[in-house]
Amino acid sequence: MSRVFIVAVPDEVNIQGEILGSPVIFSGVGKINAAMAAYRAFSEGYKEVINIGSCGSLKLSPGQLVKVGQVFQDIDATPLIEYGNTPFEAASSQIVLDTDYD
């Protein structure tokens, strides 16, 4: 038991219970549900947890895989701080994961 995939809803993987021979945990929609599913996966002994999901694009073909290089926060902690920023954290509106990707 080394790898598991986390997917929000069955429709994202055509209701399959596994991907490339590894099991799938359906988390439900949202970051909190994904975090709870990741906790469950690690608690069950999985060493590699891959969270996949779907999104929309006007440039990419359906089904195309995209490696993400940066993300922007969607947190709303107003009135403590401007939308998209985390209170008490400097430069929190953007998270750079990999500078080789846009």
PDB file of N, CA and C in Angstrom:
ATOM      1  N   MET A   1       0.847  -1.177   0.000  1.00  0.00           N
ATOM      2  CA  MET A   1       0.000   0.000   0.000  1.00  0.00           C
ATOM      3  C   MET A   1       0.892   1.239   0.000  1.00  0.00           C
ATOM      4  N   SER A   2       1.175   1.764  -1.199  1.00  0.00           N
ATOM      5  CA  SER A   2       2.053   2.924  -1.223  1.00  0.00           C
ATOM      6  C   SER A   2       1.412   4.162  -1.831  1.00  0.00           C
ATOM      7  N   ARG A   3       0.580   4.008  -2.861  1.00  0.00           N
ATOM      8  CA  ARG A   3       0.036   5.175  -3.552  1.00  0.00           C
ATOM      9  C   ARG A   3      -1.484   5.140  -3.547  1.00  0.00           C
ATOM     10  N   VAL A   4      -2.081   6.332  -3.382  1.00  0.00           N
ATOM     11  CA  VAL A   4      -3.532   6.492  -3.474  1.00  0.00           C
ATOM     12  C   VAL A   4      -3.815   7.829  -4.159  1.00  0.00           C
ATOM     13  N   PHE A   5      -4.892   7.871  -4.913  1.00  0.00           N
ATOM     14  CA  PHE A   5      -5.332   9.104  -5.561  1.00  0.00           C
ATOM     15  C   PHE A   5      -6.520   9.668  -4.799  1.00  0.00           C
ATOM     16  N   ILE A   6      -6.544  10.982  -4.633  1.00  0.00           N
ATOM     17  CA  ILE A   6      -7.698  11.661  -4.057  1.00  0.00           C
ATOM     18  C   ILE A   6      -8.379  12.430  -5.174  1.00  0.00           C
ATOM     19  N   VAL A   7      -9.679  12.199  -5.317  1.00  0.00           N
ATOM     20  CA  VAL A   7     -10.479  12.832  -6.360  1.00  0.00           C
ATOM     21  C   VAL A   7     -11.755  13.344  -5.698  1.00  0.00           C
ATOM     22  N   ALA A   8     -12.211  14.519  -6.078  1.00  0.00           N
ATOM     23  CA  ALA A   8     -13.388  15.105  -5.437  1.00  0.00           C
ATOM     24  C   ALA A   8     -14.646  14.282  -5.694  1.00  0.00           C
ATOM     25  N   VAL A   9     -14.953  14.038  -6.945  1.00  0.00           N
ATOM     26  CA  VAL A   9     -16.204  13.349  -7.274  1.00  0.00           C
ATOM     27  C   VAL A   9     -15.958  12.267  -8.323  1.00  0.00           C
ATOM     28  N   PRO A  10     -16.736  11.205  -8.293  1.00  0.00           N
ATOM     29  CA  PRO A  10     -16.539  10.095  -9.234  1.00  0.00           C
ATOM     30  C   PRO A  10     -16.575  10.497 -10.704  1.00  0.00           C
ATOM     31  N   ASP A  11     -17.356  11.517 -11.054  1.00  0.00           N
ATOM     32  CA  ASP A  11     -17.448  11.931 -12.459  1.00  0.00           C
ATOM     33  C   ASP A  11     -16.103  12.379 -13.031  1.00  0.00           C
ATOM     34  N   GLU A  12     -15.177  12.809 -12.178  1.00  0.00           N
ATOM     35  CA  GLU A  12     -13.875  13.268 -12.676  1.00  0.00           C
ATOM     36  C   GLU A  12     -13.017  12.127 -13.205  1.00  0.00           C
ATOM     37  N   VAL A  13     -13.309  10.909 -12.793  1.00  0.00           N
ATOM     38  CA  VAL A  13     -12.537   9.748 -13.258  1.00  0.00           C
ATOM     39  C   VAL A  13     -13.464   8.666 -13.796  1.00  0.00           C
ATOM     40  N   ASN A  14     -14.576   9.095 -14.352  1.00  0.00           N
ATOM     41  CA  ASN A  14     -15.551   8.173 -14.935  1.00  0.00           C
ATOM     42  C   ASN A  14     -15.975   7.076 -13.965  1.00  0.00           C
ATOM     43  N   ILE A  15     -16.146   7.450 -12.698  1.00  0.00           N
ATOM     44  CA  ILE A  15     -16.649   6.575 -11.636  1.00  0.00           C
ATOM     45  C   ILE A  15     -15.761   5.341 -11.428  1.00  0.00           C
ATOM     46  N   GLN A  16     -14.473   5.456 -11.700  1.00  0.00           N
ATOM     47  CA  GLN A  16     -13.543   4.349 -11.491  1.00  0.00           C
ATOM     48  C   GLN A  16     -13.050   4.362 -10.050  1.00  0.00           C
ATOM     49  N   GLY A  17     -12.878   3.182  -9.478  1.00  0.00           N
ATOM     50  CA  GLY A  17     -12.390   3.054  -8.115  1.00  0.00           C
ATOM     51  C   GLY A  17     -10.889   2.949  -8.027  1.00  0.00           C
ATOM     52  N   GLU A  18     -10.208   2.972  -9.190  1.00  0.00           N
ATOM     53  CA  GLU A  18      -8.753   2.942  -9.174  1.00  0.00           C
ATOM     54  C   GLU A  18      -8.208   3.644 -10.407  1.00  0.00           C
ATOM     55  N   ILE A  19      -6.961   4.099 -10.281  1.00  0.00           N
ATOM     56  CA  ILE A  19      -6.242   4.746 -11.377  1.00  0.00           C
ATOM     57  C   ILE A  19      -4.877   4.079 -11.457  1.00  0.00           C
ATOM     58  N   LEU A  20      -4.545   3.538 -12.615  1.00  0.00           N
ATOM     59  CA  LEU A  20      -3.253   2.875 -12.829  1.00  0.00           C
ATOM     60  C   LEU A  20      -2.976   1.827 -11.750  1.00  0.00           C
ATOM     61  N   GLY A  21      -4.026   1.136 -11.320  1.00  0.00           N
ATOM     62  CA  GLY A  21      -3.879   0.084 -10.331  1.00  0.00           C
ATOM     63  C   GLY A  21      -3.850   0.551  -8.889  1.00  0.00           C
ATOM     64  N   SER A  22      -3.918   1.854  -8.656  1.00  0.00           N
ATOM     65  CA  SER A  22      -3.925   2.400  -7.295  1.00  0.00           C
ATOM     66  C   SER A  22      -5.340   2.818  -6.926  1.00  0.00           C
ATOM     67  N   PRO A  23      -5.726   2.660  -5.652  1.00  0.00           N
ATOM     68  CA  PRO A  23      -7.081   3.010  -5.241  1.00  0.00           C
ATOM     69  C   PRO A  23      -7.349   4.506  -5.278  1.00  0.00           C
ATOM     70  N   VAL A  24      -8.636   4.847  -5.326  1.00  0.00           N
ATOM     71  CA  VAL A  24      -9.081   6.231  -5.332  1.00  0.00           C
ATOM     72  C   VAL A  24      -9.919   6.476  -4.081  1.00  0.00           C
ATOM     73  N   ILE A  25      -9.646   7.585  -3.419  1.00  0.00           N
ATOM     74  CA  ILE A  25     -10.495   8.055  -2.326  1.00  0.00           C
ATOM     75  C   ILE A  25     -11.267   9.244  -2.868  1.00  0.00           C
ATOM     76  N   PHE A  26     -12.584   9.174  -2.823  1.00  0.00           N
ATOM     77  CA  PHE A  26     -13.416  10.301  -3.246  1.00  0.00           C
ATOM     78  C   PHE A  26     -13.632  11.204  -2.037  1.00  0.00           C
ATOM     79  N   SER A  27     -13.158  12.447  -2.143  1.00  0.00           N
ATOM     80  CA  SER A  27     -13.132  13.349  -0.996  1.00  0.00           C
ATOM     81  C   SER A  27     -14.366  14.215  -0.857  1.00  0.00           C
ATOM     82  N   GLY A  28     -15.038  14.497  -1.959  1.00  0.00           N
ATOM     83  CA  GLY A  28     -16.042  15.559  -1.947  1.00  0.00           C
ATOM     84  C   GLY A  28     -15.350  16.853  -2.360  1.00  0.00           C
ATOM     85  N   VAL A  29     -16.124  17.883  -2.623  1.00  0.00           N
ATOM     86  CA  VAL A  29     -15.597  19.138  -3.164  1.00  0.00           C
ATOM     87  C   VAL A  29     -15.047  20.031  -2.055  1.00  0.00           C
ATOM     88  N   GLY A  30     -13.927  20.676  -2.335  1.00  0.00           N
ATOM     89  CA  GLY A  30     -13.392  21.694  -1.438  1.00  0.00           C
ATOM     90  C   GLY A  30     -12.102  21.295  -0.750  1.00  0.00           C
ATOM     91  N   LYS A  31     -11.389  22.327  -0.293  1.00  0.00           N
ATOM     92  CA  LYS A  31     -10.072  22.122   0.330  1.00  0.00           C
ATOM     93  C   LYS A  31     -10.165  21.378   1.651  1.00  0.00           C
ATOM     94  N   ILE A  32     -11.195  21.651   2.421  1.00  0.00           N
ATOM     95  CA  ILE A  32     -11.339  20.972   3.713  1.00  0.00           C
ATOM     96  C   ILE A  32     -11.567  19.483   3.485  1.00  0.00           C
ATOM     97  N   ASN A  33     -12.451  19.145   2.563  1.00  0.00           N
ATOM     98  CA  ASN A  33     -12.695  17.728   2.252  1.00  0.00           C
ATOM     99  C   ASN A  33     -11.428  17.056   1.728  1.00  0.00           C
ATOM    100  N   ALA A  34     -10.670  17.759   0.881  1.00  0.00           N
ATOM    101  CA  ALA A  34      -9.425  17.190   0.352  1.00  0.00           C
ATOM    102  C   ALA A  34      -8.412  16.965   1.480  1.00  0.00           C
ATOM    103  N   ALA A  35      -8.328  17.908   2.409  1.00  0.00           N
ATOM    104  CA  ALA A  35      -7.411  17.755   3.546  1.00  0.00           C
ATOM    105  C   ALA A  35      -7.817  16.570   4.418  1.00  0.00           C
ATOM    106  N   MET A  36      -9.113  16.405   4.651  1.00  0.00           N
ATOM    107  CA  MET A  36      -9.585  15.271   5.459  1.00  0.00           C
ATOM    108  C   MET A  36      -9.304  13.950   4.750  1.00  0.00           C
ATOM    109  N   ALA A  37      -9.453  13.922   3.429  1.00  0.00           N
ATOM    110  CA  ALA A  37      -9.164  12.708   2.673  1.00  0.00           C
ATOM    111  C   ALA A  37      -7.668  12.395   2.707  1.00  0.00           C
ATOM    112  N   ALA A  38      -6.824  13.424   2.635  1.00  0.00           N
ATOM    113  CA  ALA A  38      -5.375  13.206   2.720  1.00  0.00           C
ATOM    114  C   ALA A  38      -5.003  12.658   4.093  1.00  0.00           C
ATOM    115  N   TYR A  39      -5.605  13.195   5.131  1.00  0.00           N
ATOM    116  CA  TYR A  39      -5.363  12.683   6.488  1.00  0.00           C
ATOM    117  C   TYR A  39      -5.767  11.208   6.577  1.00  0.00           C
ATOM    118  N   ARG A  40      -6.921  10.901   6.029  1.00  0.00           N
ATOM    119  CA  ARG A  40      -7.382   9.502   6.014  1.00  0.00           C
ATOM    120  C   ARG A  40      -6.380   8.614   5.285  1.00  0.00           C
ATOM    121  N   ALA A  41      -5.904   9.074   4.126  1.00  0.00           N
ATOM    122  CA  ALA A  41      -4.967   8.275   3.330  1.00  0.00           C
ATOM    123  C   ALA A  41      -3.685   7.998   4.099  1.00  0.00           C
ATOM    124  N   PHE A  42      -3.119   9.021   4.720  1.00  0.00           N
ATOM    125  CA  PHE A  42      -1.889   8.815   5.487  1.00  0.00           C
ATOM    126  C   PHE A  42      -2.155   7.941   6.705  1.00  0.00           C
ATOM    127  N   SER A  43      -3.316   8.115   7.328  1.00  0.00           N
ATOM    128  CA  SER A  43      -3.684   7.284   8.483  1.00  0.00           C
ATOM    129  C   SER A  43      -3.809   5.815   8.098  1.00  0.00           C
ATOM    130  N   GLU A  44      -4.230   5.564   6.869  1.00  0.00           N
ATOM    131  CA  GLU A  44      -4.375   4.187   6.393  1.00  0.00           C
ATOM    132  C   GLU A  44      -3.053   3.599   5.903  1.00  0.00           C
ATOM    133  N   GLY A  45      -1.972   4.379   5.956  1.00  0.00           N
ATOM    134  CA  GLY A  45      -0.658   3.860   5.630  1.00  0.00           C
ATOM    135  C   GLY A  45      -0.130   4.166   4.247  1.00  0.00           C
ATOM    136  N   TYR A  46      -0.851   4.950   3.450  1.00  0.00           N
ATOM    137  CA  TYR A  46      -0.347   5.306   2.129  1.00  0.00           C
ATOM    138  C   TYR A  46       0.839   6.250   2.276  1.00  0.00           C
ATOM    139  N   LYS A  47       1.853   6.044   1.478  1.00  0.00           N
ATOM    140  CA  LYS A  47       3.070   6.865   1.532  1.00  0.00           C
ATOM    141  C   LYS A  47       3.073   7.954   0.465  1.00  0.00           C
ATOM    142  N   GLU A  48       2.330   7.738  -0.624  1.00  0.00           N
ATOM    143  CA  GLU A  48       2.253   8.714  -1.715  1.00  0.00           C
ATOM    144  C   GLU A  48       0.793   9.040  -1.953  1.00  0.00           C
ATOM    145  N   VAL A  49       0.432  10.299  -1.759  1.00  0.00           N
ATOM    146  CA  VAL A  49      -0.946  10.749  -1.924  1.00  0.00           C
ATOM    147  C   VAL A  49      -0.971  11.760  -3.063  1.00  0.00           C
ATOM    148  N   ILE A  50      -1.758  11.458  -4.091  1.00  0.00           N
ATOM    149  CA  ILE A  50      -1.835  12.323  -5.266  1.00  0.00           C
ATOM    150  C   ILE A  50      -3.251  12.862  -5.354  1.00  0.00           C
ATOM    151  N   ASN A  51      -3.389  14.176  -5.205  1.00  0.00           N
ATOM    152  CA  ASN A  51      -4.688  14.832  -5.271  1.00  0.00           C
ATOM    153  C   ASN A  51      -4.859  15.371  -6.684  1.00  0.00           C
ATOM    154  N   ILE A  52      -5.833  14.830  -7.414  1.00  0.00           N
ATOM    155  CA  ILE A  52      -6.067  15.299  -8.783  1.00  0.00           C
ATOM    156  C   ILE A  52      -7.453  15.916  -8.865  1.00  0.00           C
ATOM    157  N   GLY A  53      -7.648  16.738  -9.869  1.00  0.00           N
ATOM    158  CA  GLY A  53      -8.946  17.366 -10.016  1.00  0.00           C
ATOM    159  C   GLY A  53      -9.133  17.912 -11.409  1.00  0.00           C
ATOM    160  N   SER A  54     -10.269  18.511 -11.608  1.00  0.00           N
ATOM    161  CA  SER A  54     -10.590  19.072 -12.914  1.00  0.00           C
ATOM    162  C   SER A  54     -10.741  20.578 -12.798  1.00  0.00           C
ATOM    163  N   CYS A  55     -10.575  21.239 -13.927  1.00  0.00           N
ATOM    164  CA  CYS A  55     -10.773  22.677 -13.987  1.00  0.00           C
ATOM    165  C   CYS A  55     -11.120  23.030 -15.426  1.00  0.00           C
ATOM    166  N   GLY A  56     -11.488  24.238 -15.657  1.00  0.00           N
ATOM    167  CA  GLY A  56     -11.883  24.654 -16.996  1.00  0.00           C
ATOM    168  C   GLY A  56     -10.804  25.474 -17.676  1.00  0.00           C
ATOM    169  N   SER A  57     -10.830  25.477 -19.001  1.00  0.00           N
ATOM    170  CA  SER A  57      -9.875  26.259 -19.777  1.00  0.00           C
ATOM    171  C   SER A  57     -10.440  26.539 -21.158  1.00  0.00           C
ATOM    172  N   LEU A  58     -10.121  27.693 -21.673  1.00  0.00           N
ATOM    173  CA  LEU A  58     -10.482  28.018 -23.054  1.00  0.00           C
ATOM    174  C   LEU A  58      -9.333  27.708 -24.000  1.00  0.00           C
ATOM    175  N   LYS A  59      -8.142  27.368 -23.456  1.00  0.00           N
ATOM    176  CA  LYS A  59      -6.953  27.123 -24.266  1.00  0.00           C
ATOM    177  C   LYS A  59      -6.596  25.651 -24.398  1.00  0.00           C
ATOM    178  N   LEU A  60      -6.940  24.842 -23.391  1.00  0.00           N
ATOM    179  CA  LEU A  60      -6.510  23.454 -23.354  1.00  0.00           C
ATOM    180  C   LEU A  60      -7.634  22.515 -23.748  1.00  0.00           C
ATOM    181  N   SER A  61      -7.267  21.385 -24.311  1.00  0.00           N
ATOM    182  CA  SER A  61      -8.249  20.374 -24.703  1.00  0.00           C
ATOM    183  C   SER A  61      -8.729  19.615 -23.471  1.00  0.00           C
ATOM    184  N   PRO A  62      -9.988  19.170 -23.471  1.00  0.00           N
ATOM    185  CA  PRO A  62     -10.484  18.351 -22.355  1.00  0.00           C
ATOM    186  C   PRO A  62      -9.618  17.111 -22.169  1.00  0.00           C
ATOM    187  N   GLY A  63      -9.296  16.804 -20.926  1.00  0.00           N
ATOM    188  CA  GLY A  63      -8.496  15.635 -20.604  1.00  0.00           C
ATOM    189  C   GLY A  63      -7.003  15.872 -20.590  1.00  0.00           C
ATOM    190  N   GLN A  64      -6.559  17.060 -20.996  1.00  0.00           N
ATOM    191  CA  GLN A  64      -5.128  17.356 -21.010  1.00  0.00           C
ATOM    192  C   GLN A  64      -4.632  17.556 -19.580  1.00  0.00           C
ATOM    193  N   LEU A  65      -3.477  16.970 -19.248  1.00  0.00           N
ATOM    194  CA  LEU A  65      -2.881  17.127 -17.930  1.00  0.00           C
ATOM    195  C   LEU A  65      -2.040  18.388 -17.904  1.00  0.00           C
ATOM    196  N   VAL A  66      -2.088  19.098 -16.784  1.00  0.00           N
ATOM    197  CA  VAL A  66      -1.367  20.351 -16.642  1.00  0.00           C
ATOM    198  C   VAL A  66      -0.560  20.312 -15.355  1.00  0.00           C
ATOM    199  N   LYS A  67       0.741  20.599 -15.439  1.00  0.00           N
ATOM    200  CA  LYS A  67       1.552  20.741 -14.239  1.00  0.00           C
ATOM    201  C   LYS A  67       1.462  22.192 -13.799  1.00  0.00           C
ATOM    202  N   VAL A  68       1.071  22.394 -12.559  1.00  0.00           N
ATOM    203  CA  VAL A  68       0.851  23.740 -12.036  1.00  0.00           C
ATOM    204  C   VAL A  68       2.152  24.285 -11.473  1.00  0.00           C
ATOM    205  N   GLY A  69       2.476  25.522 -11.840  1.00  0.00           N
ATOM    206  CA  GLY A  69       3.681  26.164 -11.340  1.00  0.00           C
ATOM    207  C   GLY A  69       3.423  27.194 -10.272  1.00  0.00           C
ATOM    208  N   GLN A  70       2.218  27.775 -10.282  1.00  0.00           N
ATOM    209  CA  GLN A  70       1.865  28.768  -9.274  1.00  0.00           C
ATOM    210  C   GLN A  70       0.365  28.776  -9.072  1.00  0.00           C
ATOM    211  N   VAL A  71      -0.024  29.135  -7.887  1.00  0.00           N
ATOM    212  CA  VAL A  71      -1.448  29.232  -7.580  1.00  0.00           C
ATOM    213  C   VAL A  71      -1.707  30.544  -6.867  1.00  0.00           C
ATOM    214  N   PHE A  72      -2.928  31.018  -6.975  1.00  0.00           N
ATOM    215  CA  PHE A  72      -3.335  32.226  -6.285  1.00  0.00           C
ATOM    216  C   PHE A  72      -4.367  31.854  -5.238  1.00  0.00           C
ATOM    217  N   GLN A  73      -4.261  32.454  -4.082  1.00  0.00           N
ATOM    218  CA  GLN A  73      -5.165  32.166  -2.980  1.00  0.00           C
ATOM    219  C   GLN A  73      -6.582  32.633  -3.304  1.00  0.00           C
ATOM    220  N   ASP A  74      -7.558  31.886  -2.802  1.00  0.00           N
ATOM    221  CA  ASP A  74      -8.949  32.335  -2.924  1.00  0.00           C
ATOM    222  C   ASP A  74      -9.555  32.553  -1.538  1.00  0.00           C
ATOM    223  N   ILE A  75      -8.694  32.724  -0.552  1.00  0.00           N
ATOM    224  CA  ILE A  75      -9.149  32.927   0.819  1.00  0.00           C
ATOM    225  C   ILE A  75      -9.824  34.287   0.951  1.00  0.00           C
ATOM    226  N   ASP A  76     -10.862  34.333   1.765  1.00  0.00           N
ATOM    227  CA  ASP A  76     -11.544  35.603   2.029  1.00  0.00           C
ATOM    228  C   ASP A  76     -11.532  35.841   3.530  1.00  0.00           C
ATOM    229  N   ALA A  77     -10.549  36.602   3.986  1.00  0.00           N
ATOM    230  CA  ALA A  77     -10.418  36.926   5.408  1.00  0.00           C
ATOM    231  C   ALA A  77     -10.690  38.401   5.654  1.00  0.00           C
ATOM    232  N   THR A  78     -11.473  39.004   4.767  1.00  0.00           N
ATOM    233  CA  THR A  78     -11.845  40.406   4.973  1.00  0.00           C
ATOM    234  C   THR A  78     -12.746  40.474   6.199  1.00  0.00           C
ATOM    235  N   PRO A  79     -12.700  41.461   7.002  1.00  0.00           N
ATOM    236  CA  PRO A  79     -11.992  42.732   6.868  1.00  0.00           C
ATOM    237  C   PRO A  79     -10.587  42.743   7.447  1.00  0.00           C
ATOM    238  N   LEU A  80     -10.052  41.598   7.851  1.00  0.00           N
ATOM    239  CA  LEU A  80      -8.703  41.585   8.416  1.00  0.00           C
ATOM    240  C   LEU A  80      -7.635  41.923   7.392  1.00  0.00           C
ATOM    241  N   ILE A  81      -7.861  41.498   6.148  1.00  0.00           N
ATOM    242  CA  ILE A  81      -6.869  41.691   5.098  1.00  0.00           C
ATOM    243  C   ILE A  81      -7.586  41.635   3.747  1.00  0.00           C
ATOM    244  N   GLU A  82      -6.949  42.156   2.731  1.00  0.00           N
ATOM    245  CA  GLU A  82      -7.517  42.170   1.388  1.00  0.00           C
ATOM    246  C   GLU A  82      -7.794  40.743   0.891  1.00  0.00           C
ATOM    247  N   TYR A  83      -8.880  40.584   0.119  1.00  0.00           N
ATOM    248  CA  TYR A  83      -9.252  39.283  -0.433  1.00  0.00           C
ATOM    249  C   TYR A  83      -8.071  38.638  -1.146  1.00  0.00           C
ATOM    250  N   GLY A  84      -7.898  37.330  -0.941  1.00  0.00           N
ATOM    251  CA  GLY A  84      -6.834  36.590  -1.597  1.00  0.00           C
ATOM    252  C   GLY A  84      -5.546  36.525  -0.801  1.00  0.00           C
ATOM    253  N   ASN A  85      -5.519  37.115   0.373  1.00  0.00           N
ATOM    254  CA  ASN A  85      -4.338  37.087   1.231  1.00  0.00           C
ATOM    255  C   ASN A  85      -4.674  36.428   2.560  1.00  0.00           C
ATOM    256  N   THR A  86      -3.677  35.801   3.159  1.00  0.00           N
ATOM    257  CA  THR A  86      -3.838  35.157   4.456  1.00  0.00           C
ATOM    258  C   THR A  86      -3.367  36.117   5.538  1.00  0.00           C
ATOM    259  N   PRO A  87      -4.187  36.349   6.558  1.00  0.00           N
ATOM    260  CA  PRO A  87      -3.762  37.260   7.631  1.00  0.00           C
ATOM    261  C   PRO A  87      -2.467  36.794   8.292  1.00  0.00           C
ATOM    262  N   PHE A  88      -1.635  37.755   8.633  1.00  0.00           N
ATOM    263  CA  PHE A  88      -0.395  37.531   9.371  1.00  0.00           C
ATOM    264  C   PHE A  88       0.657  36.758   8.566  1.00  0.00           C
ATOM    265  N   GLU A  89       0.520  36.699   7.250  1.00  0.00           N
ATOM    266  CA  GLU A  89       1.520  36.067   6.385  1.00  0.00           C
ATOM    267  C   GLU A  89       1.904  37.057   5.297  1.00  0.00           C
ATOM    268  N   ALA A  90       3.191  37.274   5.143  1.00  0.00           N
ATOM    269  CA  ALA A  90       3.671  38.186   4.105  1.00  0.00           C
ATOM    270  C   ALA A  90       3.594  37.514   2.741  1.00  0.00           C
ATOM    271  N   ALA A  91       3.271  38.280   1.721  1.00  0.00           N
ATOM    272  CA  ALA A  91       3.243  37.811   0.331  1.00  0.00           C
ATOM    273  C   ALA A  91       2.476  36.498   0.196  1.00  0.00           C
ATOM    274  N   SER A  92       1.250  36.469   0.702  1.00  0.00           N
ATOM    275  CA  SER A  92       0.489  35.214   0.741  1.00  0.00           C
ATOM    276  C   SER A  92      -0.529  35.072  -0.386  1.00  0.00           C
ATOM    277  N   SER A  93      -0.585  36.037  -1.294  1.00  0.00           N
ATOM    278  CA  SER A  93      -1.603  35.949  -2.341  1.00  0.00           C
ATOM    279  C   SER A  93      -1.247  34.941  -3.427  1.00  0.00           C
ATOM    280  N   GLN A  94       0.022  34.620  -3.553  1.00  0.00           N
ATOM    281  CA  GLN A  94       0.476  33.697  -4.596  1.00  0.00           C
ATOM    282  C   GLN A  94       1.458  32.700  -3.994  1.00  0.00           C
ATOM    283  N   ILE A  95       1.329  31.440  -4.410  1.00  0.00           N
ATOM    284  CA  ILE A  95       2.255  30.399  -3.980  1.00  0.00           C
ATOM    285  C   ILE A  95       2.960  29.887  -5.228  1.00  0.00           C
ATOM    286  N   VAL A  96       4.276  30.020  -5.279  1.00  0.00           N
ATOM    287  CA  VAL A  96       5.050  29.538  -6.424  1.00  0.00           C
ATOM    288  C   VAL A  96       5.563  28.140  -6.088  1.00  0.00           C
ATOM    289  N   LEU A  97       5.156  27.179  -6.906  1.00  0.00           N
ATOM    290  CA  LEU A  97       5.537  25.788  -6.706  1.00  0.00           C
ATOM    291  C   LEU A  97       6.735  25.404  -7.549  1.00  0.00           C
ATOM    292  N   ASP A  98       6.798  25.954  -8.745  1.00  0.00           N
ATOM    293  CA  ASP A  98       7.852  25.578  -9.681  1.00  0.00           C
ATOM    294  C   ASP A  98       8.049  26.733 -10.650  1.00  0.00           C
ATOM    295  N   THR A  99       9.210  27.343 -10.656  1.00  0.00           N
ATOM    296  CA  THR A  99       9.450  28.507 -11.494  1.00  0.00           C
ATOM    297  C   THR A  99       9.621  28.170 -12.976  1.00  0.00           C
ATOM    298  N   ASP A 100       9.713  26.870 -13.315  1.00  0.00           N
ATOM    299  CA  ASP A 100       9.853  26.482 -14.709  1.00  0.00           C
ATOM    300  C   ASP A 100       8.514  26.425 -15.444  1.00  0.00           C
ATOM    301  N   TYR A 101       7.415  26.649 -14.727  1.00  0.00           N
ATOM    302  CA  TYR A 101       6.081  26.567 -15.313  1.00  0.00           C
ATOM    303  C   TYR A 101       5.344  27.862 -15.074  1.00  0.00           C
ATOM    304  N   ASP A 102       4.491  28.218 -16.020  1.00  0.00           N
ATOM    305  CA  ASP A 102       3.670  29.422 -15.886  1.00  0.00           C
ATOM    306  C   ASP A 102       2.402  29.112 -15.139  1.00  0.00           C
TER     307      ASP A 102
END
